[in-house]
């Protein structure tokens, strides 16, 4: 499912226009990104938790040349599915 398909589904289920659904989705993603930039967690009970973790610097290998390269440390977004979400996938 891509963004356009998700917007269609939200609009249909909520009984709103596609424009309103798009604005709601954009607002949600902006709020999550803003919270993660501040190193906060976003927890949606029954769905899951978005958080930021630090990935340490490490050595990697260029697959074309085989040369060893240094991969710098960075922050990455992480999602942990909630219990209710996980049980619905079975």
PDB file of N, CA and C in Angstrom:
ATOM      1  N   UNK A   1       0.859  -1.177   0.000  1.00  0.00           N
ATOM      2  CA  UNK A   1       0.000   0.000   0.000  1.00  0.00           C
ATOM      3  C   UNK A   1       0.902   1.235   0.000  1.00  0.00           C
ATOM      4  N   UNK A   2       0.632   2.147  -0.907  1.00  0.00           N
ATOM      5  CA  UNK A   2       1.400   3.385  -0.943  1.00  0.00           C
ATOM      6  C   UNK A   2       0.588   4.513  -0.289  1.00  0.00           C
ATOM      7  N   UNK A   3       1.151   5.712  -0.280  1.00  0.00           N
ATOM      8  CA  UNK A   3       0.500   6.835   0.404  1.00  0.00           C
ATOM      9  C   UNK A   3      -0.863   7.158  -0.205  1.00  0.00           C
ATOM     10  N   UNK A   4      -0.961   7.168  -1.523  1.00  0.00           N
ATOM     11  CA  UNK A   4      -2.235   7.494  -2.175  1.00  0.00           C
ATOM     12  C   UNK A   4      -3.320   6.479  -1.816  1.00  0.00           C
ATOM     13  N   UNK A   5      -2.953   5.200  -1.785  1.00  0.00           N
ATOM     14  CA  UNK A   5      -3.914   4.161  -1.418  1.00  0.00           C
ATOM     15  C   UNK A   5      -4.336   4.296   0.048  1.00  0.00           C
ATOM     16  N   UNK A   6      -3.387   4.654   0.916  1.00  0.00           N
ATOM     17  CA  UNK A   6      -3.705   4.860   2.324  1.00  0.00           C
ATOM     18  C   UNK A   6      -4.641   6.052   2.496  1.00  0.00           C
ATOM     19  N   UNK A   7      -4.398   7.111   1.774  1.00  0.00           N
ATOM     20  CA  UNK A   7      -5.273   8.300   1.833  1.00  0.00           C
ATOM     21  C   UNK A   7      -6.682   7.940   1.370  1.00  0.00           C
ATOM     22  N   UNK A   8      -6.790   7.163   0.296  1.00  0.00           N
ATOM     23  CA  UNK A   8      -8.107   6.717  -0.179  1.00  0.00           C
ATOM     24  C   UNK A   8      -8.833   5.923   0.907  1.00  0.00           C
ATOM     25  N   UNK A   9      -8.128   5.028   1.551  1.00  0.00           N
ATOM     26  CA  UNK A   9      -8.722   4.177   2.589  1.00  0.00           C
ATOM     27  C   UNK A   9      -9.171   5.011   3.785  1.00  0.00           C
ATOM     28  N   UNK A  10      -8.334   5.945   4.220  1.00  0.00           N
ATOM     29  CA  UNK A  10      -8.683   6.813   5.353  1.00  0.00           C
ATOM     30  C   UNK A  10      -9.911   7.649   5.002  1.00  0.00           C
ATOM     31  N   UNK A  11      -9.923   8.246   3.810  1.00  0.00           N
ATOM     32  CA  UNK A  11     -11.049   9.081   3.378  1.00  0.00           C
ATOM     33  C   UNK A  11     -12.347   8.282   3.359  1.00  0.00           C
ATOM     34  N   UNK A  12     -12.291   7.079   2.829  1.00  0.00           N
ATOM     35  CA  UNK A  12     -13.483   6.233   2.744  1.00  0.00           C
ATOM     36  C   UNK A  12     -13.976   5.824   4.133  1.00  0.00           C
ATOM     37  N   UNK A  13     -13.061   5.351   4.986  1.00  0.00           N
ATOM     38  CA  UNK A  13     -13.440   4.863   6.317  1.00  0.00           C
ATOM     39  C   UNK A  13     -13.922   5.983   7.241  1.00  0.00           C
ATOM     40  N   UNK A  14     -13.310   7.172   7.134  1.00  0.00           N
ATOM     41  CA  UNK A  14     -13.656   8.276   8.026  1.00  0.00           C
ATOM     42  C   UNK A  14     -14.768   9.160   7.455  1.00  0.00           C
ATOM     43  N   UNK A  15     -15.109   8.952   6.194  1.00  0.00           N
ATOM     44  CA  UNK A  15     -16.151   9.769   5.579  1.00  0.00           C
ATOM     45  C   UNK A  15     -15.724  11.208   5.374  1.00  0.00           C
ATOM     46  N   UNK A  16     -14.454  11.398   5.012  1.00  0.00           N
ATOM     47  CA  UNK A  16     -13.923  12.740   4.754  1.00  0.00           C
ATOM     48  C   UNK A  16     -13.384  12.777   3.328  1.00  0.00           C
ATOM     49  N   UNK A  17     -13.033  13.975   2.878  1.00  0.00           N
ATOM     50  CA  UNK A  17     -12.473  14.099   1.529  1.00  0.00           C
ATOM     51  C   UNK A  17     -11.030  13.599   1.516  1.00  0.00           C
ATOM     52  N   UNK A  18     -10.540  13.331   0.328  1.00  0.00           N
ATOM     53  CA  UNK A  18      -9.145  12.893   0.194  1.00  0.00           C
ATOM     54  C   UNK A  18      -8.187  13.993   0.654  1.00  0.00           C
ATOM     55  N   UNK A  19      -8.548  15.246   0.409  1.00  0.00           N
ATOM     56  CA  UNK A  19      -7.711  16.366   0.841  1.00  0.00           C
ATOM     57  C   UNK A  19      -7.598  16.395   2.362  1.00  0.00           C
ATOM     58  N   UNK A  20      -8.732  16.202   3.041  1.00  0.00           N
ATOM     59  CA  UNK A  20      -8.722  16.184   4.506  1.00  0.00           C
ATOM     60  C   UNK A  20      -7.935  14.983   5.029  1.00  0.00           C
ATOM     61  N   UNK A  21      -8.087  13.846   4.389  1.00  0.00           N
ATOM     62  CA  UNK A  21      -7.344  12.650   4.802  1.00  0.00           C
ATOM     63  C   UNK A  21      -5.846  12.860   4.606  1.00  0.00           C
ATOM     64  N   UNK A  22      -5.466  13.493   3.495  1.00  0.00           N
ATOM     65  CA  UNK A  22      -4.055  13.788   3.225  1.00  0.00           C
ATOM     66  C   UNK A  22      -3.493  14.729   4.288  1.00  0.00           C
ATOM     67  N   UNK A  23      -4.253  15.766   4.644  1.00  0.00           N
ATOM     68  CA  UNK A  23      -3.805  16.709   5.674  1.00  0.00           C
ATOM     69  C   UNK A  23      -3.647  16.009   7.017  1.00  0.00           C
ATOM     70  N   UNK A  24      -4.571  15.122   7.352  1.00  0.00           N
ATOM     71  CA  UNK A  24      -4.489  14.378   8.613  1.00  0.00           C
ATOM     72  C   UNK A  24      -3.258  13.471   8.633  1.00  0.00           C
ATOM     73  N   UNK A  25      -3.002  12.780   7.529  1.00  0.00           N
ATOM     74  CA  UNK A  25      -1.836  11.895   7.447  1.00  0.00           C
ATOM     75  C   UNK A  25      -0.542  12.692   7.517  1.00  0.00           C
ATOM     76  N   UNK A  26      -0.481  13.810   6.796  1.00  0.00           N
ATOM     77  CA  UNK A  26       0.707  14.670   6.839  1.00  0.00           C
ATOM     78  C   UNK A  26       0.938  15.221   8.241  1.00  0.00           C
ATOM     79  N   UNK A  27      -0.135  15.594   8.926  1.00  0.00           N
ATOM     80  CA  UNK A  27      -0.029  16.091  10.297  1.00  0.00           C
ATOM     81  C   UNK A  27       0.503  15.004  11.228  1.00  0.00           C
ATOM     82  N   UNK A  28       0.010  13.790  11.068  1.00  0.00           N
ATOM     83  CA  UNK A  28       0.465  12.665  11.884  1.00  0.00           C
ATOM     84  C   UNK A  28       1.954  12.414  11.681  1.00  0.00           C
ATOM     85  N   UNK A  29       2.385  12.330  10.407  1.00  0.00           N
ATOM     86  CA  UNK A  29       3.794  12.046  10.138  1.00  0.00           C
ATOM     87  C   UNK A  29       4.691  13.183  10.628  1.00  0.00           C
ATOM     88  N   UNK A  30       4.245  14.425  10.481  1.00  0.00           N
ATOM     89  CA  UNK A  30       5.028  15.566  10.977  1.00  0.00           C
ATOM     90  C   UNK A  30       5.155  15.532  12.488  1.00  0.00           C
ATOM     91  N   UNK A  31       4.076  15.172  13.174  1.00  0.00           N
ATOM     92  CA  UNK A  31       4.103  15.102  14.633  1.00  0.00           C
ATOM     93  C   UNK A  31       5.055  14.011  15.107  1.00  0.00           C
ATOM     94  N   UNK A  32       5.037  12.864  14.448  1.00  0.00           N
ATOM     95  CA  UNK A  32       5.934  11.760  14.826  1.00  0.00           C
ATOM     96  C   UNK A  32       7.385  12.158  14.577  1.00  0.00           C
ATOM     97  N   UNK A  33       7.666  12.729  13.417  1.00  0.00           N
ATOM     98  CA  UNK A  33       9.034  13.152  13.088  1.00  0.00           C
ATOM     99  C   UNK A  33       9.515  14.214  14.069  1.00  0.00           C
ATOM    100  N   UNK A  34       8.649  15.184  14.385  1.00  0.00           N
ATOM    101  CA  UNK A  34       9.018  16.231  15.337  1.00  0.00           C
ATOM    102  C   UNK A  34       9.358  15.675  16.705  1.00  0.00           C
ATOM    103  N   UNK A  35       8.573  14.720  17.168  1.00  0.00           N
ATOM    104  CA  UNK A  35       8.835  14.106  18.473  1.00  0.00           C
ATOM    105  C   UNK A  35      10.140  13.315  18.448  1.00  0.00           C
ATOM    106  N   UNK A  36      10.379  12.573  17.373  1.00  0.00           N
ATOM    107  CA  UNK A  36      11.603  11.778  17.283  1.00  0.00           C
ATOM    108  C   UNK A  36      12.846  12.662  17.194  1.00  0.00           C
ATOM    109  N   UNK A  37      12.724  13.814  16.542  1.00  0.00           N
ATOM    110  CA  UNK A  37      13.855  14.751  16.478  1.00  0.00           C
ATOM    111  C   UNK A  37      14.246  15.244  17.872  1.00  0.00           C
ATOM    112  N   UNK A  38      13.252  15.302  18.771  1.00  0.00           N
ATOM    113  CA  UNK A  38      13.504  15.734  20.155  1.00  0.00           C
ATOM    114  C   UNK A  38      13.878  14.550  21.050  1.00  0.00           C
ATOM    115  N   UNK A  39      14.127  13.395  20.443  1.00  0.00           N
ATOM    116  CA  UNK A  39      14.443  12.153  21.160  1.00  0.00           C
ATOM    117  C   UNK A  39      13.317  11.683  22.065  1.00  0.00           C
ATOM    118  N   UNK A  40      12.079  12.053  21.748  1.00  0.00           N
ATOM    119  CA  UNK A  40      10.915  11.555  22.468  1.00  0.00           C
ATOM    120  C   UNK A  40      10.440  10.265  21.808  1.00  0.00           C
ATOM    121  N   UNK A  41       9.638   9.512  22.547  1.00  0.00           N
ATOM    122  CA  UNK A  41       8.987   8.325  21.997  1.00  0.00           C
ATOM    123  C   UNK A  41       7.546   8.684  21.661  1.00  0.00           C
ATOM    124  N   UNK A  42       6.988   8.020  20.672  1.00  0.00           N
ATOM    125  CA  UNK A  42       5.576   8.175  20.342  1.00  0.00           C
ATOM    126  C   UNK A  42       4.953   6.793  20.530  1.00  0.00           C
ATOM    127  N   UNK A  43       4.066   6.688  21.519  1.00  0.00           N
ATOM    128  CA  UNK A  43       3.442   5.413  21.836  1.00  0.00           C
ATOM    129  C   UNK A  43       1.959   5.470  21.510  1.00  0.00           C
ATOM    130  N   UNK A  44       1.512   4.556  20.675  1.00  0.00           N
ATOM    131  CA  UNK A  44       0.112   4.416  20.339  1.00  0.00           C
ATOM    132  C   UNK A  44      -0.325   3.061  20.905  1.00  0.00           C
ATOM    133  N   UNK A  45      -1.031   3.090  22.028  1.00  0.00           N
ATOM    134  CA  UNK A  45      -1.408   1.869  22.730  1.00  0.00           C
ATOM    135  C   UNK A  45      -2.179   0.948  21.785  1.00  0.00           C
ATOM    136  N   UNK A  46      -1.771  -0.304  21.733  1.00  0.00           N
ATOM    137  CA  UNK A  46      -2.392  -1.289  20.863  1.00  0.00           C
ATOM    138  C   UNK A  46      -1.786  -1.333  19.471  1.00  0.00           C
ATOM    139  N   UNK A  47      -1.051  -0.295  19.090  1.00  0.00           N
ATOM    140  CA  UNK A  47      -0.436  -0.254  17.766  1.00  0.00           C
ATOM    141  C   UNK A  47       1.066  -0.456  17.862  1.00  0.00           C
ATOM    142  N   UNK A  48       1.759   0.444  18.571  1.00  0.00           N
ATOM    143  CA  UNK A  48       3.202   0.304  18.715  1.00  0.00           C
ATOM    144  C   UNK A  48       3.866   1.582  19.162  1.00  0.00           C
ATOM    145  N   UNK A  49       5.192   1.540  19.201  1.00  0.00           N
ATOM    146  CA  UNK A  49       5.989   2.662  19.677  1.00  0.00           C
ATOM    147  C   UNK A  49       7.057   3.021  18.655  1.00  0.00           C
ATOM    148  N   UNK A  50       7.119   4.304  18.337  1.00  0.00           N
ATOM    149  CA  UNK A  50       8.182   4.849  17.498  1.00  0.00           C
ATOM    150  C   UNK A  50       9.229   5.436  18.433  1.00  0.00           C
ATOM    151  N   UNK A  51      10.512   5.165  18.176  1.00  0.00           N
ATOM    152  CA  UNK A  51      11.579   5.712  19.002  1.00  0.00           C
ATOM    153  C   UNK A  51      12.824   5.920  18.143  1.00  0.00           C
ATOM    154  N   UNK A  52      13.840   6.523  18.753  1.00  0.00           N
ATOM    155  CA  UNK A  52      15.109   6.754  18.074  1.00  0.00           C
ATOM    156  C   UNK A  52      16.192   5.990  18.814  1.00  0.00           C
ATOM    157  N   UNK A  53      17.033   5.291  18.080  1.00  0.00           N
ATOM    158  CA  UNK A  53      18.170   4.610  18.683  1.00  0.00           C
ATOM    159  C   UNK A  53      19.442   5.092  17.992  1.00  0.00           C
ATOM    160  N   UNK A  54      20.552   4.926  18.692  1.00  0.00           N
ATOM    161  CA  UNK A  54      21.844   5.311  18.127  1.00  0.00           C
ATOM    162  C   UNK A  54      22.523   4.071  17.564  1.00  0.00           C
ATOM    163  N   UNK A  55      22.970   4.186  16.338  1.00  0.00           N
ATOM    164  CA  UNK A  55      23.731   3.105  15.718  1.00  0.00           C
ATOM    165  C   UNK A  55      25.196   3.523  15.753  1.00  0.00           C
ATOM    166  N   UNK A  56      26.032   2.710  16.363  1.00  0.00           N
ATOM    167  CA  UNK A  56      27.434   3.073  16.524  1.00  0.00           C
ATOM    168  C   UNK A  56      28.188   2.955  15.199  1.00  0.00           C
ATOM    169  N   UNK A  57      29.330   3.612  15.149  1.00  0.00           N
ATOM    170  CA  UNK A  57      30.179   3.556  13.954  1.00  0.00           C
ATOM    171  C   UNK A  57      30.684   2.126  13.789  1.00  0.00           C
ATOM    172  N   UNK A  58      30.857   1.716  12.536  1.00  0.00           N
ATOM    173  CA  UNK A  58      31.324   0.363  12.292  1.00  0.00           C
ATOM    174  C   UNK A  58      32.049   0.300  10.953  1.00  0.00           C
ATOM    175  N   UNK A  59      32.686  -0.804  10.727  1.00  0.00           N
ATOM    176  CA  UNK A  59      33.372  -1.022   9.461  1.00  0.00           C
ATOM    177  C   UNK A  59      32.446  -1.814   8.546  1.00  0.00           C
ATOM    178  N   UNK A  60      32.462  -1.465   7.272  1.00  0.00           N
ATOM    179  CA  UNK A  60      31.674  -2.176   6.279  1.00  0.00           C
ATOM    180  C   UNK A  60      32.552  -2.529   5.098  1.00  0.00           C
ATOM    181  N   UNK A  61      31.950  -3.137   4.100  1.00  0.00           N
ATOM    182  CA  UNK A  61      32.720  -3.530   2.923  1.00  0.00           C
ATOM    183  C   UNK A  61      31.954  -3.118   1.674  1.00  0.00           C
ATOM    184  N   UNK A  62      32.660  -2.453   0.762  1.00  0.00           N
ATOM    185  CA  UNK A  62      32.084  -2.081  -0.518  1.00  0.00           C
ATOM    186  C   UNK A  62      31.897  -3.370  -1.326  1.00  0.00           C
ATOM    187  N   UNK A  63      30.650  -3.721  -1.686  1.00  0.00           N
ATOM    188  CA  UNK A  63      30.434  -4.993  -2.380  1.00  0.00           C
ATOM    189  C   UNK A  63      31.042  -5.053  -3.785  1.00  0.00           C
ATOM    190  N   UNK A  64      31.259  -3.914  -4.419  1.00  0.00           N
ATOM    191  CA  UNK A  64      31.835  -3.920  -5.765  1.00  0.00           C
ATOM    192  C   UNK A  64      33.340  -4.125  -5.745  1.00  0.00           C
ATOM    193  N   UNK A  65      34.016  -3.470  -4.774  1.00  0.00           N
ATOM    194  CA  UNK A  65      35.477  -3.519  -4.762  1.00  0.00           C
ATOM    195  C   UNK A  65      36.030  -4.398  -3.652  1.00  0.00           C
ATOM    196  N   UNK A  66      35.220  -4.672  -2.630  1.00  0.00           N
ATOM    197  CA  UNK A  66      35.702  -5.450  -1.491  1.00  0.00           C
ATOM    198  C   UNK A  66      36.502  -4.610  -0.504  1.00  0.00           C
ATOM    199  N   UNK A  67      36.639  -3.307  -0.789  1.00  0.00           N
ATOM    200  CA  UNK A  67      37.414  -2.419   0.071  1.00  0.00           C
ATOM    201  C   UNK A  67      36.660  -2.150   1.380  1.00  0.00           C
ATOM    202  N   UNK A  68      37.409  -2.140   2.493  1.00  0.00           N
ATOM    203  CA  UNK A  68      36.816  -1.854   3.801  1.00  0.00           C
ATOM    204  C   UNK A  68      36.554  -0.352   3.903  1.00  0.00           C
ATOM    205  N   UNK A  69      35.343   0.011   4.360  1.00  0.00           N
ATOM    206  CA  UNK A  69      34.982   1.421   4.523  1.00  0.00           C
ATOM    207  C   UNK A  69      34.486   1.655   5.947  1.00  0.00           C
ATOM    208  N   UNK A  70      34.592   2.888   6.383  1.00  0.00           N
ATOM    209  CA  UNK A  70      34.082   3.265   7.699  1.00  0.00           C
ATOM    210  C   UNK A  70      32.663   3.797   7.539  1.00  0.00           C
ATOM    211  N   UNK A  71      31.748   3.257   8.332  1.00  0.00           N
ATOM    212  CA  UNK A  71      30.362   3.718   8.332  1.00  0.00           C
ATOM    213  C   UNK A  71      30.185   4.536   9.607  1.00  0.00           C
ATOM    214  N   UNK A  72      29.850   5.825   9.487  1.00  0.00           N
ATOM    215  CA  UNK A  72      29.760   6.681  10.674  1.00  0.00           C
ATOM    216  C   UNK A  72      28.557   6.345  11.561  1.00  0.00           C
ATOM    217  N   UNK A  73      28.636   6.756  12.813  1.00  0.00           N
ATOM    218  CA  UNK A  73      27.521   6.578  13.751  1.00  0.00           C
ATOM    219  C   UNK A  73      26.378   7.480  13.317  1.00  0.00           C
ATOM    220  N   UNK A  74      25.158   7.042  13.615  1.00  0.00           N
ATOM    221  CA  UNK A  74      24.006   7.872  13.287  1.00  0.00           C
ATOM    222  C   UNK A  74      22.807   7.446  14.119  1.00  0.00           C
ATOM    223  N   UNK A  75      21.785   8.299  14.112  1.00  0.00           N
ATOM    224  CA  UNK A  75      20.531   7.991  14.786  1.00  0.00           C
ATOM    225  C   UNK A  75      19.582   7.391  13.757  1.00  0.00           C
ATOM    226  N   UNK A  76      18.831   6.366  14.170  1.00  0.00           N
ATOM    227  CA  UNK A  76      17.871   5.729  13.273  1.00  0.00           C
ATOM    228  C   UNK A  76      16.515   5.600  13.955  1.00  0.00           C
ATOM    229  N   UNK A  77      15.465   5.678  13.171  1.00  0.00           N
ATOM    230  CA  UNK A  77      14.113   5.505  13.692  1.00  0.00           C
ATOM    231  C   UNK A  77      13.851   4.016  13.882  1.00  0.00           C
ATOM    232  N   UNK A  78      13.070   3.709  14.912  1.00  0.00           N
ATOM    233  CA  UNK A  78      12.759   2.326  15.230  1.00  0.00           C
ATOM    234  C   UNK A  78      11.270   2.227  15.532  1.00  0.00           C
ATOM    235  N   UNK A  79      10.640   1.138  15.119  1.00  0.00           N
ATOM    236  CA  UNK A  79       9.238   0.889  15.441  1.00  0.00           C
ATOM    237  C   UNK A  79       9.121  -0.474  16.089  1.00  0.00           C
ATOM    238  N   UNK A  80       8.460  -0.516  17.243  1.00  0.00           N
ATOM    239  CA  UNK A  80       8.207  -1.776  17.922  1.00  0.00           C
ATOM    240  C   UNK A  80       6.705  -1.969  17.972  1.00  0.00           C
ATOM    241  N   UNK A  81       6.229  -3.015  17.326  1.00  0.00           N
ATOM    242  CA  UNK A  81       4.795  -3.285  17.272  1.00  0.00           C
ATOM    243  C   UNK A  81       4.268  -3.631  18.659  1.00  0.00           C
ATOM    244  N   UNK A  82       3.068  -3.151  18.955  1.00  0.00           N
ATOM    245  CA  UNK A  82       2.420  -3.460  20.217  1.00  0.00           C
ATOM    246  C   UNK A  82       1.875  -4.878  20.210  1.00  0.00           C
ATOM    247  N   UNK A  83       1.495  -5.346  21.393  1.00  0.00           N
ATOM    248  CA  UNK A  83       1.019  -6.723  21.541  1.00  0.00           C
ATOM    249  C   UNK A  83      -0.244  -6.973  20.705  1.00  0.00           C
ATOM    250  N   UNK A  84      -1.193  -6.051  20.772  1.00  0.00           N
ATOM    251  CA  UNK A  84      -2.443  -6.205  20.034  1.00  0.00           C
ATOM    252  C   UNK A  84      -2.188  -6.242  18.530  1.00  0.00           C
ATOM    253  N   UNK A  85      -1.306  -5.381  18.055  1.00  0.00           N
ATOM    254  CA  UNK A  85      -0.930  -5.333  16.642  1.00  0.00           C
ATOM    255  C   UNK A  85      -0.309  -6.664  16.230  1.00  0.00           C
ATOM    256  N   UNK A  86       0.607  -7.168  17.027  1.00  0.00           N
ATOM    257  CA  UNK A  86       1.296  -8.410  16.700  1.00  0.00           C
ATOM    258  C   UNK A  86       0.357  -9.600  16.648  1.00  0.00           C
ATOM    259  N   UNK A  87      -0.594  -9.670  17.575  1.00  0.00           N
ATOM    260  CA  UNK A  87      -1.505 -10.808  17.599  1.00  0.00           C
ATOM    261  C   UNK A  87      -2.475 -10.792  16.408  1.00  0.00           C
ATOM    262  N   UNK A  88      -2.779  -9.645  15.861  1.00  0.00           N
ATOM    263  CA  UNK A  88      -3.683  -9.560  14.716  1.00  0.00           C
ATOM    264  C   UNK A  88      -3.021 -10.024  13.420  1.00  0.00           C
ATOM    265  N   UNK A  89      -1.698 -10.118  13.402  1.00  0.00           N
ATOM    266  CA  UNK A  89      -0.979 -10.557  12.197  1.00  0.00           C
ATOM    267  C   UNK A  89      -0.953 -12.074  12.054  1.00  0.00           C
ATOM    268  N   UNK A  90      -1.260 -12.785  13.103  1.00  0.00           N
ATOM    269  CA  UNK A  90      -1.187 -14.261  13.067  1.00  0.00           C
ATOM    270  C   UNK A  90      -2.348 -14.871  12.353  1.00  0.00           C
TER     271      UNK A  90
END
